[in-house]
């Protein structure tokens, strides 16, 4: 069974708004729904294949998707495969690593980077952001 995880990585509660405005996105609920459909008999022997084309997005949503993908095997005995067709960048590289197998097109790219954020404000605000970024590295 094949499912697409394309567009921005967003929180499940925000996905409706992206889709309403015609923006491609993927979220943890997309993973959970696909896993449940597969587990309920909608799949085949090949496994659950996610076609990935994403510039990334929310790291926390990527972590949630990673967890849902790891739970697919533990809870439902579903084998998940990521097929990166063009790009799995930033948060997409996080959730892609939650699959049991990652396949990449010869022209695809996987981009991993250190955590990033933007901060406005005074020294205290910037120090808080620095602390958050450093916590993400551990």
N, C-alpha and C. Protein backbone atom coordinates (compact mmCIF):
# COMPACT_ATOMS: atom_id res chain seq x y z
N UNK A 1 0.85 -1.17 0.00
CA UNK A 1 0.00 0.00 0.00
C UNK A 1 0.90 1.23 0.00
N UNK A 2 0.56 2.21 -0.80
CA UNK A 2 1.34 3.44 -0.92
C UNK A 2 0.54 4.65 -0.43
N UNK A 3 1.23 5.50 0.31
CA UNK A 3 0.66 6.76 0.78
C UNK A 3 1.70 7.85 0.59
N UNK A 4 1.24 9.05 0.35
CA UNK A 4 2.16 10.17 0.17
C UNK A 4 2.30 10.99 1.46
N UNK A 5 3.52 11.37 1.77
CA UNK A 5 3.80 12.33 2.83
C UNK A 5 4.56 13.47 2.17
N UNK A 6 3.80 14.40 1.62
CA UNK A 6 4.37 15.49 0.83
C UNK A 6 4.07 16.84 1.48
N UNK A 7 4.85 17.83 1.13
CA UNK A 7 4.62 19.19 1.60
C UNK A 7 5.20 19.44 2.98
N UNK A 8 4.73 20.53 3.58
CA UNK A 8 5.24 20.94 4.88
C UNK A 8 4.85 19.96 5.99
N UNK A 9 5.74 19.76 6.92
CA UNK A 9 5.47 18.93 8.10
C UNK A 9 4.82 19.85 9.13
N UNK A 10 3.55 19.55 9.46
CA UNK A 10 2.78 20.44 10.33
C UNK A 10 2.11 19.65 11.45
N UNK A 11 1.65 20.36 12.45
CA UNK A 11 0.88 19.76 13.53
C UNK A 11 -0.45 19.26 12.96
N UNK A 12 -0.92 18.14 13.45
CA UNK A 12 -2.17 17.57 12.94
C UNK A 12 -3.33 18.55 13.03
N UNK A 13 -3.35 19.38 14.07
CA UNK A 13 -4.46 20.33 14.23
C UNK A 13 -4.38 21.47 13.22
N UNK A 14 -3.24 21.67 12.58
CA UNK A 14 -3.09 22.74 11.59
C UNK A 14 -3.26 22.26 10.15
N UNK A 15 -3.22 20.95 9.93
CA UNK A 15 -3.25 20.40 8.57
C UNK A 15 -4.48 20.85 7.79
N UNK A 16 -5.63 20.93 8.45
CA UNK A 16 -6.85 21.35 7.76
C UNK A 16 -6.68 22.71 7.10
N UNK A 17 -6.06 23.63 7.81
CA UNK A 17 -5.90 24.99 7.27
C UNK A 17 -4.98 25.01 6.06
N UNK A 18 -3.90 24.28 6.12
CA UNK A 18 -3.00 24.19 4.97
C UNK A 18 -3.75 23.63 3.77
N UNK A 19 -4.47 22.56 4.00
CA UNK A 19 -5.18 21.91 2.90
C UNK A 19 -6.32 22.77 2.37
N UNK A 20 -6.96 23.51 3.23
CA UNK A 20 -8.05 24.41 2.82
C UNK A 20 -7.54 25.42 1.80
N UNK A 21 -6.32 25.90 2.01
CA UNK A 21 -5.73 26.89 1.11
C UNK A 21 -4.90 26.24 -0.01
N UNK A 22 -5.05 24.92 -0.17
CA UNK A 22 -4.40 24.22 -1.27
C UNK A 22 -2.92 23.97 -1.11
N UNK A 23 -2.44 24.04 0.14
CA UNK A 23 -1.02 23.82 0.40
C UNK A 23 -0.80 22.36 0.80
N UNK A 24 0.20 21.75 0.19
CA UNK A 24 0.53 20.36 0.53
C UNK A 24 1.15 20.31 1.92
N UNK A 25 0.73 19.33 2.70
CA UNK A 25 1.29 19.15 4.04
C UNK A 25 1.12 17.70 4.47
N UNK A 26 1.86 17.33 5.50
CA UNK A 26 1.71 16.01 6.09
C UNK A 26 1.84 16.16 7.60
N UNK A 27 1.24 15.22 8.31
CA UNK A 27 1.20 15.31 9.77
C UNK A 27 1.12 13.91 10.38
N UNK A 28 1.21 13.85 11.69
CA UNK A 28 1.18 12.56 12.40
C UNK A 28 -0.14 11.83 12.17
N UNK A 29 -1.25 12.54 12.09
CA UNK A 29 -2.53 11.88 11.85
C UNK A 29 -2.54 11.17 10.49
N UNK A 30 -1.83 11.71 9.49
CA UNK A 30 -1.74 11.04 8.19
C UNK A 30 -1.05 9.68 8.35
N UNK A 31 0.00 9.65 9.16
CA UNK A 31 0.73 8.39 9.40
C UNK A 31 -0.18 7.42 10.14
N UNK A 32 -0.81 7.88 11.22
CA UNK A 32 -1.67 7.00 12.02
C UNK A 32 -2.81 6.43 11.18
N UNK A 33 -3.43 7.25 10.34
CA UNK A 33 -4.54 6.79 9.49
C UNK A 33 -4.05 5.73 8.51
N UNK A 34 -2.91 5.96 7.88
CA UNK A 34 -2.37 5.00 6.91
C UNK A 34 -2.02 3.68 7.61
N UNK A 35 -1.42 3.75 8.77
CA UNK A 35 -1.06 2.54 9.51
C UNK A 35 -2.32 1.76 9.88
N UNK A 36 -3.34 2.46 10.35
CA UNK A 36 -4.58 1.78 10.74
C UNK A 36 -5.26 1.14 9.54
N UNK A 37 -5.29 1.85 8.39
CA UNK A 37 -5.86 1.27 7.16
C UNK A 37 -5.11 0.00 6.76
N UNK A 38 -3.80 0.06 6.84
CA UNK A 38 -2.98 -1.10 6.49
C UNK A 38 -3.24 -2.24 7.45
N UNK A 39 -3.25 -1.94 8.73
CA UNK A 39 -3.46 -2.97 9.76
C UNK A 39 -4.84 -3.60 9.66
N UNK A 40 -5.83 -2.83 9.20
CA UNK A 40 -7.20 -3.32 9.06
C UNK A 40 -7.41 -4.15 7.80
N UNK A 41 -6.32 -4.46 7.10
CA UNK A 41 -6.42 -5.33 5.94
C UNK A 41 -6.34 -4.62 4.61
N UNK A 42 -6.01 -3.35 4.62
CA UNK A 42 -5.92 -2.61 3.36
C UNK A 42 -4.57 -2.70 2.69
N UNK A 43 -3.65 -3.49 3.26
CA UNK A 43 -2.29 -3.53 2.74
C UNK A 43 -1.98 -4.81 2.01
N UNK A 44 -0.74 -4.90 1.57
CA UNK A 44 -0.26 -6.08 0.87
C UNK A 44 1.03 -6.55 1.54
N UNK A 45 1.67 -7.55 0.95
CA UNK A 45 2.89 -8.11 1.55
C UNK A 45 4.10 -7.19 1.41
N UNK A 46 4.00 -6.19 0.55
CA UNK A 46 5.14 -5.30 0.29
C UNK A 46 5.45 -4.39 1.47
N UNK A 47 4.46 -4.10 2.29
CA UNK A 47 4.63 -3.18 3.40
C UNK A 47 3.93 -1.86 3.12
N UNK A 48 3.95 -1.00 4.09
CA UNK A 48 3.34 0.32 3.95
C UNK A 48 4.42 1.28 3.46
N UNK A 49 4.28 1.74 2.23
CA UNK A 49 5.29 2.58 1.60
C UNK A 49 4.82 4.03 1.60
N UNK A 50 5.64 4.89 2.20
CA UNK A 50 5.36 6.32 2.21
C UNK A 50 6.24 6.99 1.17
N UNK A 51 5.61 7.62 0.17
CA UNK A 51 6.34 8.39 -0.83
C UNK A 51 6.57 9.78 -0.24
N UNK A 52 7.84 10.16 -0.06
CA UNK A 52 8.19 11.38 0.65
C UNK A 52 8.72 12.43 -0.32
N UNK A 53 8.18 13.65 -0.20
CA UNK A 53 8.66 14.82 -0.93
C UNK A 53 8.32 16.01 -0.04
N UNK A 54 9.25 16.39 0.83
CA UNK A 54 8.94 17.41 1.83
C UNK A 54 10.15 18.30 2.13
N UNK A 55 9.90 19.63 2.19
CA UNK A 55 10.98 20.55 2.57
C UNK A 55 11.15 20.63 4.08
N UNK A 56 10.30 19.93 4.83
CA UNK A 56 10.39 19.96 6.29
C UNK A 56 9.33 20.85 6.90
N UNK A 57 9.57 21.26 8.12
CA UNK A 57 8.59 22.08 8.84
C UNK A 57 8.86 21.99 10.32
N UNK A 58 7.83 21.70 11.08
CA UNK A 58 7.92 21.65 12.53
C UNK A 58 8.69 20.41 13.00
N UNK A 59 9.78 20.64 13.72
CA UNK A 59 10.56 19.52 14.25
C UNK A 59 9.72 18.68 15.21
N UNK A 60 8.88 19.34 16.02
CA UNK A 60 8.07 18.60 16.99
C UNK A 60 7.04 17.72 16.29
N UNK A 61 6.49 18.19 15.18
CA UNK A 61 5.57 17.35 14.40
C UNK A 61 6.34 16.20 13.75
N UNK A 62 7.57 16.47 13.32
CA UNK A 62 8.42 15.41 12.79
C UNK A 62 8.71 14.34 13.83
N UNK A 63 8.94 14.76 15.09
CA UNK A 63 9.16 13.80 16.18
C UNK A 63 7.90 12.96 16.40
N UNK A 64 6.73 13.60 16.34
CA UNK A 64 5.48 12.87 16.54
C UNK A 64 5.27 11.85 15.41
N UNK A 65 5.60 12.24 14.19
CA UNK A 65 5.48 11.31 13.06
C UNK A 65 6.47 10.16 13.20
N UNK A 66 7.69 10.46 13.64
CA UNK A 66 8.70 9.42 13.89
C UNK A 66 8.16 8.39 14.88
N UNK A 67 7.56 8.88 15.96
CA UNK A 67 7.02 7.99 16.99
C UNK A 67 5.89 7.14 16.42
N UNK A 68 5.00 7.74 15.63
CA UNK A 68 3.89 6.99 15.02
C UNK A 68 4.43 5.92 14.08
N UNK A 69 5.48 6.22 13.35
CA UNK A 69 6.08 5.23 12.45
C UNK A 69 6.73 4.09 13.22
N UNK A 70 7.42 4.40 14.30
CA UNK A 70 8.03 3.35 15.12
C UNK A 70 6.94 2.50 15.79
N UNK A 71 5.86 3.14 16.22
CA UNK A 71 4.75 2.41 16.84
C UNK A 71 4.04 1.49 15.85
N UNK A 72 4.10 1.81 14.56
CA UNK A 72 3.44 0.98 13.55
C UNK A 72 3.93 -0.46 13.63
N UNK A 73 5.22 -0.63 13.81
CA UNK A 73 5.77 -1.98 13.90
C UNK A 73 5.50 -2.59 15.27
N UNK A 74 5.73 -1.81 16.31
CA UNK A 74 5.59 -2.32 17.68
C UNK A 74 4.15 -2.68 18.00
N UNK A 75 3.21 -1.83 17.63
CA UNK A 75 1.81 -2.00 18.02
C UNK A 75 1.03 -2.83 16.99
N UNK A 76 1.26 -2.57 15.70
CA UNK A 76 0.44 -3.18 14.66
C UNK A 76 1.19 -4.19 13.78
N UNK A 77 2.48 -4.39 14.03
CA UNK A 77 3.31 -5.27 13.19
C UNK A 77 3.30 -4.85 11.73
N UNK A 78 3.29 -3.55 11.50
CA UNK A 78 3.29 -3.00 10.14
C UNK A 78 4.70 -2.53 9.80
N UNK A 79 5.22 -3.03 8.71
CA UNK A 79 6.55 -2.62 8.23
C UNK A 79 6.39 -1.37 7.38
N UNK A 80 7.09 -0.29 7.75
CA UNK A 80 7.00 0.99 7.04
C UNK A 80 8.27 1.26 6.25
N UNK A 81 8.07 1.72 5.02
CA UNK A 81 9.18 2.02 4.12
C UNK A 81 9.00 3.45 3.63
N UNK A 82 10.07 4.24 3.67
CA UNK A 82 10.05 5.59 3.10
C UNK A 82 10.75 5.55 1.76
N UNK A 83 10.10 6.10 0.74
CA UNK A 83 10.73 6.26 -0.57
C UNK A 83 10.87 7.75 -0.81
N UNK A 84 12.09 8.26 -0.69
CA UNK A 84 12.33 9.68 -0.91
C UNK A 84 12.46 9.89 -2.41
N UNK A 85 11.51 10.63 -2.97
CA UNK A 85 11.47 10.80 -4.41
C UNK A 85 12.25 12.02 -4.88
N UNK A 86 12.26 13.07 -4.06
CA UNK A 86 13.02 14.25 -4.43
C UNK A 86 13.78 14.82 -3.23
N UNK A 87 13.05 15.12 -2.13
CA UNK A 87 13.72 15.68 -0.97
C UNK A 87 13.00 15.30 0.32
N UNK A 88 13.79 15.03 1.32
CA UNK A 88 13.31 14.87 2.70
C UNK A 88 14.24 15.76 3.53
N UNK A 89 13.81 16.97 3.75
CA UNK A 89 14.67 17.95 4.41
C UNK A 89 14.15 18.26 5.81
N UNK A 90 15.07 18.61 6.67
CA UNK A 90 14.75 19.13 7.99
C UNK A 90 13.84 18.16 8.75
N UNK A 91 12.63 18.58 9.11
CA UNK A 91 11.73 17.72 9.88
C UNK A 91 11.35 16.45 9.11
N UNK A 92 11.38 16.50 7.79
CA UNK A 92 11.08 15.31 6.99
C UNK A 92 12.18 14.26 7.16
N UNK A 93 13.41 14.70 7.37
CA UNK A 93 14.49 13.73 7.61
C UNK A 93 14.30 13.06 8.96
N UNK A 94 13.66 13.76 9.89
CA UNK A 94 13.37 13.17 11.21
C UNK A 94 12.37 12.03 11.07
N UNK A 95 11.21 12.32 10.45
CA UNK A 95 10.20 11.26 10.39
C UNK A 95 10.61 10.13 9.46
N UNK A 96 11.35 10.45 8.41
CA UNK A 96 11.80 9.41 7.49
C UNK A 96 12.64 8.37 8.22
N UNK A 97 13.45 8.83 9.17
CA UNK A 97 14.31 7.90 9.91
C UNK A 97 13.51 6.99 10.84
N UNK A 98 12.23 7.25 11.03
CA UNK A 98 11.38 6.38 11.83
C UNK A 98 10.90 5.16 11.09
N UNK A 99 11.11 5.10 9.78
CA UNK A 99 10.69 3.95 8.99
C UNK A 99 11.69 2.81 9.15
N UNK A 100 11.23 1.60 8.87
CA UNK A 100 12.07 0.42 8.96
C UNK A 100 13.12 0.39 7.85
N UNK A 101 12.79 1.01 6.73
CA UNK A 101 13.70 1.05 5.58
C UNK A 101 13.51 2.38 4.88
N UNK A 102 14.61 2.95 4.37
CA UNK A 102 14.55 4.19 3.60
C UNK A 102 15.17 3.92 2.23
N UNK A 103 14.39 4.19 1.20
CA UNK A 103 14.87 4.05 -0.17
C UNK A 103 14.92 5.45 -0.77
N UNK A 104 15.96 5.70 -1.55
CA UNK A 104 16.08 7.02 -2.14
C UNK A 104 16.29 6.93 -3.64
N UNK A 105 15.61 7.79 -4.37
CA UNK A 105 15.84 7.93 -5.79
C UNK A 105 17.29 8.39 -5.99
N UNK A 106 17.91 8.04 -7.10
CA UNK A 106 19.29 8.49 -7.34
C UNK A 106 19.42 10.02 -7.39
N UNK A 107 18.32 10.71 -7.62
CA UNK A 107 18.37 12.18 -7.69
C UNK A 107 17.80 12.84 -6.43
N UNK A 108 17.43 12.04 -5.44
CA UNK A 108 16.84 12.58 -4.21
C UNK A 108 17.91 13.09 -3.25
N UNK A 109 17.46 13.94 -2.32
CA UNK A 109 18.35 14.47 -1.30
C UNK A 109 17.70 14.33 0.07
N UNK A 110 18.54 14.04 1.06
CA UNK A 110 18.14 14.00 2.45
C UNK A 110 18.95 15.08 3.16
N UNK A 111 18.27 16.03 3.80
CA UNK A 111 18.99 17.14 4.41
C UNK A 111 18.76 17.15 5.91
N UNK A 112 19.87 17.06 6.66
CA UNK A 112 19.84 17.09 8.12
C UNK A 112 20.61 18.31 8.56
N UNK A 113 20.08 19.04 9.53
CA UNK A 113 20.78 20.23 10.01
C UNK A 113 20.57 20.40 11.50
N UNK A 114 21.34 21.27 12.08
CA UNK A 114 21.16 21.62 13.49
C UNK A 114 19.84 22.36 13.66
N UNK A 115 19.27 22.35 14.86
CA UNK A 115 18.02 23.08 15.10
C UNK A 115 18.18 24.56 14.77
N UNK A 116 17.11 25.16 14.30
CA UNK A 116 17.13 26.58 13.95
C UNK A 116 15.86 27.26 14.47
N UNK A 117 15.97 28.53 14.75
CA UNK A 117 14.82 29.33 15.18
C UNK A 117 15.09 30.79 14.87
N UNK A 118 14.08 31.61 15.06
CA UNK A 118 14.22 33.07 14.94
C UNK A 118 13.80 33.68 16.26
N UNK A 119 14.49 34.72 16.66
CA UNK A 119 14.18 35.37 17.92
C UNK A 119 14.18 36.88 17.74
N UNK A 120 13.19 37.53 18.33
CA UNK A 120 13.17 38.98 18.43
C UNK A 120 13.09 39.32 19.90
N UNK A 121 13.74 40.39 20.28
CA UNK A 121 13.64 40.80 21.66
C UNK A 121 14.97 41.21 22.25
N UNK A 122 14.99 41.21 23.55
CA UNK A 122 16.20 41.63 24.26
C UNK A 122 17.11 40.45 24.55
N UNK A 123 18.16 40.71 25.33
CA UNK A 123 19.15 39.69 25.65
C UNK A 123 18.51 38.47 26.30
N UNK A 124 17.55 38.68 27.18
CA UNK A 124 16.88 37.57 27.86
C UNK A 124 16.17 36.67 26.86
N UNK A 125 15.47 37.27 25.90
CA UNK A 125 14.77 36.50 24.87
C UNK A 125 15.74 35.66 24.05
N UNK A 126 16.86 36.27 23.69
CA UNK A 126 17.85 35.54 22.88
C UNK A 126 18.51 34.42 23.68
N UNK A 127 18.76 34.65 24.97
CA UNK A 127 19.34 33.60 25.81
C UNK A 127 18.37 32.43 25.96
N UNK A 128 17.07 32.72 26.07
CA UNK A 128 16.07 31.64 26.15
C UNK A 128 16.07 30.81 24.86
N UNK A 129 16.17 31.49 23.73
CA UNK A 129 16.22 30.78 22.45
C UNK A 129 17.48 29.94 22.35
N UNK A 130 18.59 30.48 22.80
CA UNK A 130 19.84 29.73 22.80
C UNK A 130 19.71 28.46 23.64
N UNK A 131 19.10 28.58 24.81
CA UNK A 131 18.88 27.42 25.67
C UNK A 131 18.02 26.37 25.00
N UNK A 132 16.97 26.81 24.30
CA UNK A 132 16.10 25.88 23.59
C UNK A 132 16.87 25.17 22.48
N UNK A 133 17.68 25.91 21.73
CA UNK A 133 18.45 25.30 20.64
C UNK A 133 19.48 24.30 21.20
N UNK A 134 20.12 24.65 22.29
CA UNK A 134 21.11 23.75 22.88
C UNK A 134 20.45 22.50 23.45
N UNK A 135 19.26 22.62 23.95
CA UNK A 135 18.53 21.45 24.46
C UNK A 135 18.20 20.49 23.32
N UNK A 136 17.98 21.02 22.14
CA UNK A 136 17.69 20.19 20.96
C UNK A 136 18.87 19.40 20.49
N UNK A 137 20.07 19.78 20.90
CA UNK A 137 21.28 19.08 20.45
C UNK A 137 21.61 17.88 21.32
N UNK A 138 21.03 17.79 22.50
CA UNK A 138 21.38 16.73 23.43
C UNK A 138 20.52 15.51 23.28
